[in-house]
Amino acid sequence: MSEHPPSGKAPRTPTVRPKEDRHFVTALARGLEVLSCFRTGDKTLGNQEIAQRCGLPRSTVSRLTTTLTRLGYLIHIEEIGKYRLGTATLALGSAMLVRLDVRQIARPAMQELADFAMAEVSLGMRDRFSMIYVENCRSPALHTLSLDVGSRIALATSAIGRAWLAAIPEDQRCVIMEQIRTRDEKVWPEVLQGIEKALQDYRVLGVTCSFGDWQKNVNAIARAFRPGRGLPHMVINCGGPSFNVSPEFLLNEARPRLVEMVSRLEAALYR
């Protein structure tokens, strides 16, 4: 399951810098915004859908998609007048994942925890208002959830996103939280309450929790760490369907193992 912007909600806030920032190339930023619109599960998107997600005029999007198609980052399907990601984007993503050594180092311990908890254990990095899975391990006993590498999880309501918010410096967290607030002010009071509870949990328990907050029937806990080598904070979560993993099990049984695993991972990465 990947995060898709609900219909009727405000479009994503485009990455725009002030005009006086002469080092910022707006056209390039908009092109990357178009590519970022595609989610796991999106086979094709039309210019109108892309425009809504980016918050850009359709005429601008049309020029961008034409350019990206000529460069191989998009493929235009003439029969339906829509686009799908091209092989050039695959090359970029594959190159990044191959060079992400932390995935190979973390995978054995992640699988061990997944087998113990009969759950799903994932490694994620933040992208705007989402966390993206870059590694995923599942228990053979888990027959639900279909998350995989590339899945996007909501930053503000998931355990994995809340752990990232809890781990980053306060000034950076305040900027992100303000951006989250302006995206949907109606739900902000409830979202803020969940984040504040997560910050407290992280201080006391060493993990953040999401028990039915991200999705009604999903429970999860998460802990962040610094992978070093110039990489930003990353997070490992452990969770699954509420009928399979209860909050009590996650906190009492899985939590100590998750905290220990992340500590060992940090030590291995900083050798």
C-alpha atoms as a PDB file:
ATOM      1  CA  MET A   1       0.000   0.000   0.000  1.00  0.00           C
ATOM      2  CA  SER A   2       1.417   3.354  -0.947  1.00  0.00           C
ATOM      3  CA  GLU A   3       0.406   6.832  -0.001  1.00  0.00           C
ATOM      4  CA  HIS A   4      -1.743   8.564  -2.593  1.00  0.00           C
ATOM      5  CA  PRO A   5      -3.028  12.132  -2.178  1.00  0.00           C
ATOM      6  CA  PRO A   6      -6.748  11.831  -1.368  1.00  0.00           C
ATOM      7  CA  SER A   7      -9.058  13.441  -3.886  1.00  0.00           C
ATOM      8  CA  GLY A   8     -10.219  16.857  -2.810  1.00  0.00           C
ATOM      9  CA  LYS A   9      -7.120  17.500  -0.740  1.00  0.00           C
ATOM     10  CA  ALA A  10      -4.710  20.301  -1.503  1.00  0.00           C
ATOM     11  CA  PRO A  11      -1.946  19.402  -3.975  1.00  0.00           C
ATOM     12  CA  ARG A  12       1.573  18.908  -2.790  1.00  0.00           C
ATOM     13  CA  THR A  13       3.482  22.070  -2.129  1.00  0.00           C
ATOM     14  CA  PRO A  14       5.979  22.411  -5.005  1.00  0.00           C
ATOM     15  CA  THR A  15       9.625  22.880  -4.176  1.00  0.00           C
ATOM     16  CA  VAL A  16      10.016  26.576  -4.938  1.00  0.00           C
ATOM     17  CA  ARG A  17      12.722  28.955  -3.805  1.00  0.00           C
ATOM     18  CA  PRO A  18      12.692  32.748  -3.745  1.00  0.00           C
ATOM     19  CA  LYS A  19      13.513  34.407  -7.028  1.00  0.00           C
ATOM     20  CA  GLU A  20      16.573  36.046  -5.530  1.00  0.00           C
ATOM     21  CA  ASP A  21      18.181  32.611  -5.028  1.00  0.00           C
ATOM     22  CA  ARG A  22      20.227  32.658  -8.221  1.00  0.00           C
ATOM     23  CA  HIS A  23      21.594  29.182  -7.564  1.00  0.00           C
ATOM     24  CA  PHE A  24      18.133  27.597  -7.652  1.00  0.00           C
ATOM     25  CA  VAL A  25      16.965  26.393 -11.088  1.00  0.00           C
ATOM     26  CA  THR A  26      13.165  26.540 -11.029  1.00  0.00           C
ATOM     27  CA  ALA A  27      12.691  24.676 -14.327  1.00  0.00           C
ATOM     28  CA  LEU A  28      14.785  21.765 -13.054  1.00  0.00           C
ATOM     29  CA  ALA A  29      12.888  21.716  -9.767  1.00  0.00           C
ATOM     30  CA  ARG A  30       9.571  21.573 -11.593  1.00  0.00           C
ATOM     31  CA  GLY A  31      10.773  18.723 -13.782  1.00  0.00           C
ATOM     32  CA  LEU A  32      11.759  16.744 -10.701  1.00  0.00           C
ATOM     33  CA  GLU A  33       8.367  17.567  -9.174  1.00  0.00           C
ATOM     34  CA  VAL A  34       6.716  15.902 -12.154  1.00  0.00           C
ATOM     35  CA  LEU A  35       8.773  12.733 -11.718  1.00  0.00           C
ATOM     36  CA  SER A  36       8.027  12.733  -7.984  1.00  0.00           C
ATOM     37  CA  CYS A  37       4.296  12.653  -8.710  1.00  0.00           C
ATOM     38  CA  PHE A  38       4.466   8.987  -9.647  1.00  0.00           C
ATOM     39  CA  ARG A  39       3.764   6.634  -6.752  1.00  0.00           C
ATOM     40  CA  THR A  40       4.068   2.917  -6.266  1.00  0.00           C
ATOM     41  CA  GLY A  41       0.923   1.586  -7.897  1.00  0.00           C
ATOM     42  CA  ASP A  42       0.655   4.429 -10.421  1.00  0.00           C
ATOM     43  CA  LYS A  43       0.988   2.809 -13.835  1.00  0.00           C
ATOM     44  CA  THR A  44       0.198   5.940 -15.817  1.00  0.00           C
ATOM     45  CA  LEU A  45      -0.650   9.581 -15.203  1.00  0.00           C
ATOM     46  CA  GLY A  46      -2.028  12.249 -17.524  1.00  0.00           C
ATOM     47  CA  ASN A  47      -1.040  15.898 -17.648  1.00  0.00           C
ATOM     48  CA  GLN A  48      -4.162  16.907 -15.726  1.00  0.00           C
ATOM     49  CA  GLU A  49      -3.416  14.483 -12.876  1.00  0.00           C
ATOM     50  CA  ILE A  50       0.210  15.589 -12.745  1.00  0.00           C
ATOM     51  CA  ALA A  51      -0.830  19.250 -12.709  1.00  0.00           C
ATOM     52  CA  GLN A  52      -3.149  18.623  -9.758  1.00  0.00           C
ATOM     53  CA  ARG A  53      -0.480  16.786  -7.788  1.00  0.00           C
ATOM     54  CA  CYS A  54       2.239  19.339  -8.504  1.00  0.00           C
ATOM     55  CA  GLY A  55       0.096  22.440  -8.177  1.00  0.00           C
ATOM     56  CA  LEU A  56       1.369  23.656 -11.557  1.00  0.00           C
ATOM     57  CA  PRO A  57      -0.518  24.965 -14.624  1.00  0.00           C
ATOM     58  CA  ARG A  58      -1.385  22.250 -17.120  1.00  0.00           C
ATOM     59  CA  SER A  59       0.415  24.129 -19.902  1.00  0.00           C
ATOM     60  CA  THR A  60       3.632  24.100 -17.856  1.00  0.00           C
ATOM     61  CA  VAL A  61       3.217  20.405 -17.096  1.00  0.00           C
ATOM     62  CA  SER A  62       2.694  19.672 -20.790  1.00  0.00           C
ATOM     63  CA  ARG A  63       6.044  21.254 -21.687  1.00  0.00           C
ATOM     64  CA  LEU A  64       7.778  19.424 -18.842  1.00  0.00           C
ATOM     65  CA  THR A  65       6.361  16.005 -19.737  1.00  0.00           C
ATOM     66  CA  THR A  66       7.336  16.506 -23.385  1.00  0.00           C
ATOM     67  CA  THR A  67      10.914  17.336 -22.371  1.00  0.00           C
ATOM     68  CA  LEU A  68      11.135  14.447 -19.904  1.00  0.00           C
ATOM     69  CA  THR A  69       9.810  12.063 -22.562  1.00  0.00           C
ATOM     70  CA  ARG A  70      12.495  13.127 -25.045  1.00  0.00           C
ATOM     71  CA  LEU A  71      15.153  12.512 -22.374  1.00  0.00           C
ATOM     72  CA  GLY A  72      13.823   9.055 -21.526  1.00  0.00           C
ATOM     73  CA  TYR A  73      12.546   9.848 -18.031  1.00  0.00           C
ATOM     74  CA  LEU A  74       8.938   9.380 -19.154  1.00  0.00           C
ATOM     75  CA  ILE A  75       7.259   7.208 -21.771  1.00  0.00           C
ATOM     76  CA  HIS A  76       4.232   8.619 -23.588  1.00  0.00           C
ATOM     77  CA  ILE A  77       1.467   6.105 -24.272  1.00  0.00           C
ATOM     78  CA  GLU A  78      -0.287   7.639 -27.247  1.00  0.00           C
ATOM     79  CA  GLU A  79      -3.359   5.368 -27.118  1.00  0.00           C
ATOM     80  CA  ILE A  80      -4.483   6.821 -23.797  1.00  0.00           C
ATOM     81  CA  GLY A  81      -2.595  10.113 -23.811  1.00  0.00           C
ATOM     82  CA  LYS A  82      -0.808   9.379 -20.538  1.00  0.00           C
ATOM     83  CA  TYR A  83       2.720   8.866 -19.275  1.00  0.00           C
ATOM     84  CA  ARG A  84       4.614   6.228 -17.352  1.00  0.00           C
ATOM     85  CA  LEU A  85       8.097   6.378 -15.856  1.00  0.00           C
ATOM     86  CA  GLY A  86      10.894   5.699 -18.319  1.00  0.00           C
ATOM     87  CA  THR A  87      14.050   3.634 -18.063  1.00  0.00           C
ATOM     88  CA  ALA A  88      16.188   6.661 -17.211  1.00  0.00           C
ATOM     89  CA  THR A  89      14.410   6.985 -13.857  1.00  0.00           C
ATOM     90  CA  LEU A  90      14.933   3.269 -13.224  1.00  0.00           C
ATOM     91  CA  ALA A  91      18.664   3.696 -13.792  1.00  0.00           C
ATOM     92  CA  LEU A  92      18.840   6.536 -11.263  1.00  0.00           C
ATOM     93  CA  GLY A  93      16.869   4.692  -8.580  1.00  0.00           C
ATOM     94  CA  SER A  94      18.754   1.434  -9.061  1.00  0.00           C
ATOM     95  CA  ALA A  95      22.127   3.173  -8.839  1.00  0.00           C
ATOM     96  CA  MET A  96      21.124   4.813  -5.555  1.00  0.00           C
ATOM     97  CA  LEU A  97      19.864   1.581  -3.962  1.00  0.00           C
ATOM     98  CA  VAL A  98      22.913  -0.441  -5.028  1.00  0.00           C
ATOM     99  CA  ARG A  99      25.206   2.051  -3.325  1.00  0.00           C
ATOM    100  CA  LEU A 100      23.150   2.184  -0.122  1.00  0.00           C
ATOM    101  CA  ASP A 101      25.355  -0.143   1.944  1.00  0.00           C
ATOM    102  CA  VAL A 102      23.167   0.177   5.029  1.00  0.00           C
ATOM    103  CA  ARG A 103      20.538  -2.009   3.346  1.00  0.00           C
ATOM    104  CA  GLN A 104      22.893  -4.974   3.085  1.00  0.00           C
ATOM    105  CA  ILE A 105      24.163  -4.504   6.636  1.00  0.00           C
ATOM    106  CA  ALA A 106      20.681  -4.175   8.153  1.00  0.00           C
ATOM    107  CA  ARG A 107      18.844  -6.882   6.204  1.00  0.00           C
ATOM    108  CA  PRO A 108      19.812  -9.991   8.274  1.00  0.00           C
ATOM    109  CA  ALA A 109      18.827  -8.383  11.585  1.00  0.00           C
ATOM    110  CA  MET A 110      15.646  -6.965  10.061  1.00  0.00           C
ATOM    111  CA  GLN A 111      14.620 -10.406   8.824  1.00  0.00           C
ATOM    112  CA  GLU A 112      15.344 -11.913  12.226  1.00  0.00           C
ATOM    113  CA  LEU A 113      13.062  -9.384  13.915  1.00  0.00           C
ATOM    114  CA  ALA A 114      10.365  -9.870  11.273  1.00  0.00           C
ATOM    115  CA  ASP A 115      10.417 -13.631  11.849  1.00  0.00           C
ATOM    116  CA  PHE A 116      10.280 -13.213  15.631  1.00  0.00           C
ATOM    117  CA  ALA A 117       7.394 -10.734  15.550  1.00  0.00           C
ATOM    118  CA  MET A 118       5.588 -12.407  12.619  1.00  0.00           C
ATOM    119  CA  ALA A 119       5.457  -8.921  11.192  1.00  0.00           C
ATOM    120  CA  GLU A 120       6.997  -6.615   8.603  1.00  0.00           C
ATOM    121  CA  VAL A 121      10.250  -4.752   9.300  1.00  0.00           C
ATOM    122  CA  SER A 122      11.203  -1.916   6.978  1.00  0.00           C
ATOM    123  CA  LEU A 123      13.998   0.604   6.506  1.00  0.00           C
ATOM    124  CA  GLY A 124      12.937   4.048   5.329  1.00  0.00           C
ATOM    125  CA  MET A 125      14.176   7.492   4.327  1.00  0.00           C
ATOM    126  CA  ARG A 126      12.229  10.726   4.237  1.00  0.00           C
ATOM    127  CA  ASP A 127      11.078  12.341   0.999  1.00  0.00           C
ATOM    128  CA  ARG A 128       9.049  15.533   1.515  1.00  0.00           C
ATOM    129  CA  PHE A 129       5.903  14.528   3.410  1.00  0.00           C
ATOM    130  CA  SER A 130       6.480  10.789   3.111  1.00  0.00           C
ATOM    131  CA  MET A 131       8.851   8.065   4.177  1.00  0.00           C
ATOM    132  CA  ILE A 132      10.040   5.817   1.357  1.00  0.00           C
ATOM    133  CA  TYR A 133      10.894   2.185   2.021  1.00  0.00           C
ATOM    134  CA  VAL A 134      14.388   1.298   0.756  1.00  0.00           C
ATOM    135  CA  GLU A 135      14.437  -2.185   2.310  1.00  0.00           C
ATOM    136  CA  ASN A 136      11.696  -4.479   3.507  1.00  0.00           C
ATOM    137  CA  CYS A 137      11.627  -7.851   5.302  1.00  0.00           C
ATOM    138  CA  ARG A 138       8.524  -9.923   5.982  1.00  0.00           C
ATOM    139  CA  SER A 139       7.706 -12.910   8.128  1.00  0.00           C
ATOM    140  CA  PRO A 140       6.571 -15.926   6.068  1.00  0.00           C
ATOM    141  CA  ALA A 141       3.607 -16.080   8.450  1.00  0.00           C
ATOM    142  CA  LEU A 142       2.401 -12.631   7.363  1.00  0.00           C
ATOM    143  CA  HIS A 143      -0.300 -12.938   4.728  1.00  0.00           C
ATOM    144  CA  THR A 144      -1.521  -9.333   4.637  1.00  0.00           C
ATOM    145  CA  LEU A 145       0.015  -5.946   3.841  1.00  0.00           C
ATOM    146  CA  SER A 146       1.723  -5.560   0.502  1.00  0.00           C
ATOM    147  CA  LEU A 147       4.321  -2.909   1.202  1.00  0.00           C
ATOM    148  CA  ASP A 148       7.630  -3.184  -0.607  1.00  0.00           C
ATOM    149  CA  VAL A 149      10.687  -1.180  -1.578  1.00  0.00           C
ATOM    150  CA  GLY A 150       9.487   2.128  -3.013  1.00  0.00           C
ATOM    151  CA  SER A 151       6.299   2.286  -0.951  1.00  0.00           C
ATOM    152  CA  ARG A 152       5.529   5.729   0.460  1.00  0.00           C
ATOM    153  CA  ILE A 153       4.202   6.115   4.001  1.00  0.00           C
ATOM    154  CA  ALA A 154       2.663   9.287   5.427  1.00  0.00           C
ATOM    155  CA  LEU A 155       5.202  11.227   7.478  1.00  0.00           C
ATOM    156  CA  ALA A 156       2.927  12.663  10.164  1.00  0.00           C
ATOM    157  CA  THR A 157       0.732   9.691  11.086  1.00  0.00           C
ATOM    158  CA  SER A 158       2.986   6.651  10.714  1.00  0.00           C
ATOM    159  CA  ALA A 159       5.417   5.307  13.308  1.00  0.00           C
ATOM    160  CA  ILE A 160       8.278   5.454  10.809  1.00  0.00           C
ATOM    161  CA  GLY A 161       7.573   9.093   9.941  1.00  0.00           C
ATOM    162  CA  ARG A 162       7.117  10.136  13.547  1.00  0.00           C
ATOM    163  CA  ALA A 163      10.440   8.534  14.484  1.00  0.00           C
ATOM    164  CA  TRP A 164      12.151  10.616  11.823  1.00  0.00           C
ATOM    165  CA  LEU A 165      10.492  13.760  13.188  1.00  0.00           C
ATOM    166  CA  ALA A 166      11.568  12.836  16.722  1.00  0.00           C
ATOM    167  CA  ALA A 167      15.206  12.312  15.717  1.00  0.00           C
ATOM    168  CA  ILE A 168      15.899  15.448  13.676  1.00  0.00           C
ATOM    169  CA  PRO A 169      16.951  18.794  15.241  1.00  0.00           C
ATOM    170  CA  GLU A 170      14.109  20.841  16.726  1.00  0.00           C
ATOM    171  CA  ASP A 171      14.487  23.788  14.336  1.00  0.00           C
ATOM    172  CA  GLN A 172      14.229  21.479  11.339  1.00  0.00           C
ATOM    173  CA  ARG A 173      11.241  19.695  12.871  1.00  0.00           C
ATOM    174  CA  CYS A 174       9.422  23.005  13.402  1.00  0.00           C
ATOM    175  CA  VAL A 175       9.819  23.905   9.716  1.00  0.00           C
ATOM    176  CA  ILE A 176       8.465  20.539   8.565  1.00  0.00           C
ATOM    177  CA  MET A 177       5.563  20.646  11.020  1.00  0.00           C
ATOM    178  CA  GLU A 178       4.563  24.100   9.801  1.00  0.00           C
ATOM    179  CA  GLN A 179       4.543  22.798   6.238  1.00  0.00           C
ATOM    180  CA  ILE A 180       2.378  19.854   7.316  1.00  0.00           C
ATOM    181  CA  ARG A 181      -0.020  22.247   9.052  1.00  0.00           C
ATOM    182  CA  THR A 182      -0.485  24.440   6.007  1.00  0.00           C
ATOM    183  CA  ARG A 183      -1.264  21.423   3.792  1.00  0.00           C
ATOM    184  CA  ASP A 184      -4.439  20.573   5.713  1.00  0.00           C
ATOM    185  CA  GLU A 185      -5.327  22.848   8.600  1.00  0.00           C
ATOM    186  CA  LYS A 186      -8.590  21.011   9.336  1.00  0.00           C
ATOM    187  CA  VAL A 187      -6.885  17.826  10.502  1.00  0.00           C
ATOM    188  CA  TRP A 188      -3.829  19.579  11.946  1.00  0.00           C
ATOM    189  CA  PRO A 189      -4.953  19.595  15.626  1.00  0.00           C
ATOM    190  CA  GLU A 190      -5.329  15.805  15.566  1.00  0.00           C
ATOM    191  CA  VAL A 191      -2.084  15.349  13.640  1.00  0.00           C
ATOM    192  CA  LEU A 192      -0.226  17.619  16.065  1.00  0.00           C
ATOM    193  CA  GLN A 193      -1.538  15.665  19.034  1.00  0.00           C
ATOM    194  CA  GLY A 194      -0.213  12.456  17.497  1.00  0.00           C
ATOM    195  CA  ILE A 195       3.212  13.967  16.817  1.00  0.00           C
ATOM    196  CA  GLU A 196       3.522  15.408  20.319  1.00  0.00           C
ATOM    197  CA  LYS A 197       2.616  12.025  21.807  1.00  0.00           C
ATOM    198  CA  ALA A 198       5.222  10.417  19.543  1.00  0.00           C
ATOM    199  CA  LEU A 199       7.937  12.829  20.713  1.00  0.00           C
ATOM    200  CA  GLN A 200       7.146  11.947  24.312  1.00  0.00           C
ATOM    201  CA  ASP A 201       7.143   8.212  23.529  1.00  0.00           C
ATOM    202  CA  TYR A 202      10.521   8.534  21.844  1.00  0.00           C
ATOM    203  CA  ARG A 203      12.023  10.149  24.922  1.00  0.00           C
ATOM    204  CA  VAL A 204      10.510   7.619  27.330  1.00  0.00           C
ATOM    205  CA  LEU A 205      10.295   4.392  25.314  1.00  0.00           C
ATOM    206  CA  GLY A 206      12.966   4.918  22.669  1.00  0.00           C
ATOM    207  CA  VAL A 207      10.422   4.346  19.874  1.00  0.00           C
ATOM    208  CA  THR A 208       7.481   6.089  18.282  1.00  0.00           C
ATOM    209  CA  CYS A 209       4.130   4.357  17.876  1.00  0.00           C
ATOM    210  CA  SER A 210       1.242   4.348  15.457  1.00  0.00           C
ATOM    211  CA  PHE A 211      -1.597   2.166  16.628  1.00  0.00           C
ATOM    212  CA  GLY A 212      -4.305   2.621  14.022  1.00  0.00           C
ATOM    213  CA  ASP A 213      -3.252   6.198  13.206  1.00  0.00           C
ATOM    214  CA  TRP A 214      -1.717   5.662   9.762  1.00  0.00           C
ATOM    215  CA  GLN A 215      -4.201   2.973   8.807  1.00  0.00           C
ATOM    216  CA  LYS A 216      -7.008   1.832  11.047  1.00  0.00           C
ATOM    217  CA  ASN A 217      -6.002  -1.831  11.209  1.00  0.00           C
ATOM    218  CA  VAL A 218      -2.209  -1.418  11.296  1.00  0.00           C
ATOM    219  CA  ASN A 219       0.023  -1.193  14.388  1.00  0.00           C
ATOM    220  CA  ALA A 220       3.712  -0.274  14.283  1.00  0.00           C
ATOM    221  CA  ILE A 221       6.655   1.043  16.263  1.00  0.00           C
ATOM    222  CA  ALA A 222       9.828   2.651  14.899  1.00  0.00           C
ATOM    223  CA  ARG A 223      13.266   3.954  15.833  1.00  0.00           C
ATOM    224  CA  ALA A 224      15.559   6.322  13.914  1.00  0.00           C
ATOM    225  CA  PHE A 225      19.339   6.291  13.578  1.00  0.00           C
ATOM    226  CA  ARG A 226      22.216   8.111  11.913  1.00  0.00           C
ATOM    227  CA  PRO A 227      23.765   5.959   9.168  1.00  0.00           C
ATOM    228  CA  GLY A 228      26.785   8.242   8.742  1.00  0.00           C
ATOM    229  CA  ARG A 229      28.673   8.650   5.438  1.00  0.00           C
ATOM    230  CA  GLY A 230      26.800  11.874   4.776  1.00  0.00           C
ATOM    231  CA  LEU A 231      23.387  10.194   4.698  1.00  0.00           C
ATOM    232  CA  PRO A 232      20.387  11.765   6.467  1.00  0.00           C
ATOM    233  CA  HIS A 233      18.511  10.101   9.320  1.00  0.00           C
ATOM    234  CA  MET A 234      16.976   6.731   8.512  1.00  0.00           C
ATOM    235  CA  VAL A 235      14.312   4.760  10.387  1.00  0.00           C
ATOM    236  CA  ILE A 236      13.481   1.106  10.975  1.00  0.00           C
ATOM    237  CA  ASN A 237       9.937   0.147  11.846  1.00  0.00           C
ATOM    238  CA  CYS A 238       8.233  -3.065  12.912  1.00  0.00           C
ATOM    239  CA  GLY A 239       4.534  -3.584  12.407  1.00  0.00           C
ATOM    240  CA  GLY A 240       1.652  -5.426  10.881  1.00  0.00           C
ATOM    241  CA  PRO A 241      -2.095  -5.979  10.990  1.00  0.00           C
ATOM    242  CA  SER A 242      -3.661  -5.212  14.366  1.00  0.00           C
ATOM    243  CA  PHE A 243      -5.090  -8.721  14.611  1.00  0.00           C
ATOM    244  CA  ASN A 244      -1.577 -10.116  14.256  1.00  0.00           C
ATOM    245  CA  VAL A 245       0.555  -7.670  16.288  1.00  0.00           C
ATOM    246  CA  SER A 246      -0.999  -5.934  19.272  1.00  0.00           C
ATOM    247  CA  PRO A 247       0.322  -2.721  20.834  1.00  0.00           C
ATOM    248  CA  GLU A 248       1.232  -4.708  23.958  1.00  0.00           C
ATOM    249  CA  PHE A 249       3.301  -7.210  21.970  1.00  0.00           C
ATOM    250  CA  LEU A 250       5.080  -4.503  20.022  1.00  0.00           C
ATOM    251  CA  LEU A 251       5.960  -2.511  23.137  1.00  0.00           C
ATOM    252  CA  ASN A 252       6.822  -5.395  25.464  1.00  0.00           C
ATOM    253  CA  GLU A 253       8.388  -7.940  23.105  1.00  0.00           C
ATOM    254  CA  ALA A 254       9.409  -6.296  19.836  1.00  0.00           C
ATOM    255  CA  ARG A 255      10.536  -2.902  21.193  1.00  0.00           C
ATOM    256  CA  PRO A 256      13.619  -4.103  23.164  1.00  0.00           C
ATOM    257  CA  ARG A 257      14.796  -6.080  20.141  1.00  0.00           C
ATOM    258  CA  LEU A 258      14.232  -3.156  17.780  1.00  0.00           C
ATOM    259  CA  VAL A 259      16.158  -0.739  20.019  1.00  0.00           C
ATOM    260  CA  GLU A 260      19.035  -3.204  20.395  1.00  0.00           C
ATOM    261  CA  MET A 261      19.116  -3.926  16.661  1.00  0.00           C
ATOM    262  CA  VAL A 262      19.317  -0.238  15.760  1.00  0.00           C
ATOM    263  CA  SER A 263      22.118   0.290  18.303  1.00  0.00           C
ATOM    264  CA  ARG A 264      24.102  -2.582  16.792  1.00  0.00           C
ATOM    265  CA  LEU A 265      23.480  -1.227  13.312  1.00  0.00           C
ATOM    266  CA  GLU A 266      24.781   2.219  14.229  1.00  0.00           C
ATOM    267  CA  ALA A 267      27.892   0.670  15.794  1.00  0.00           C
ATOM    268  CA  ALA A 268      28.554  -1.366  12.652  1.00  0.00           C
ATOM    269  CA  LEU A 269      28.110   1.633  10.365  1.00  0.00           C
ATOM    270  CA  TYR A 270      30.459   3.834  12.390  1.00  0.00           C
ATOM    271  CA  ARG A 271      33.362   1.348  12.539  1.00  0.00           C
END
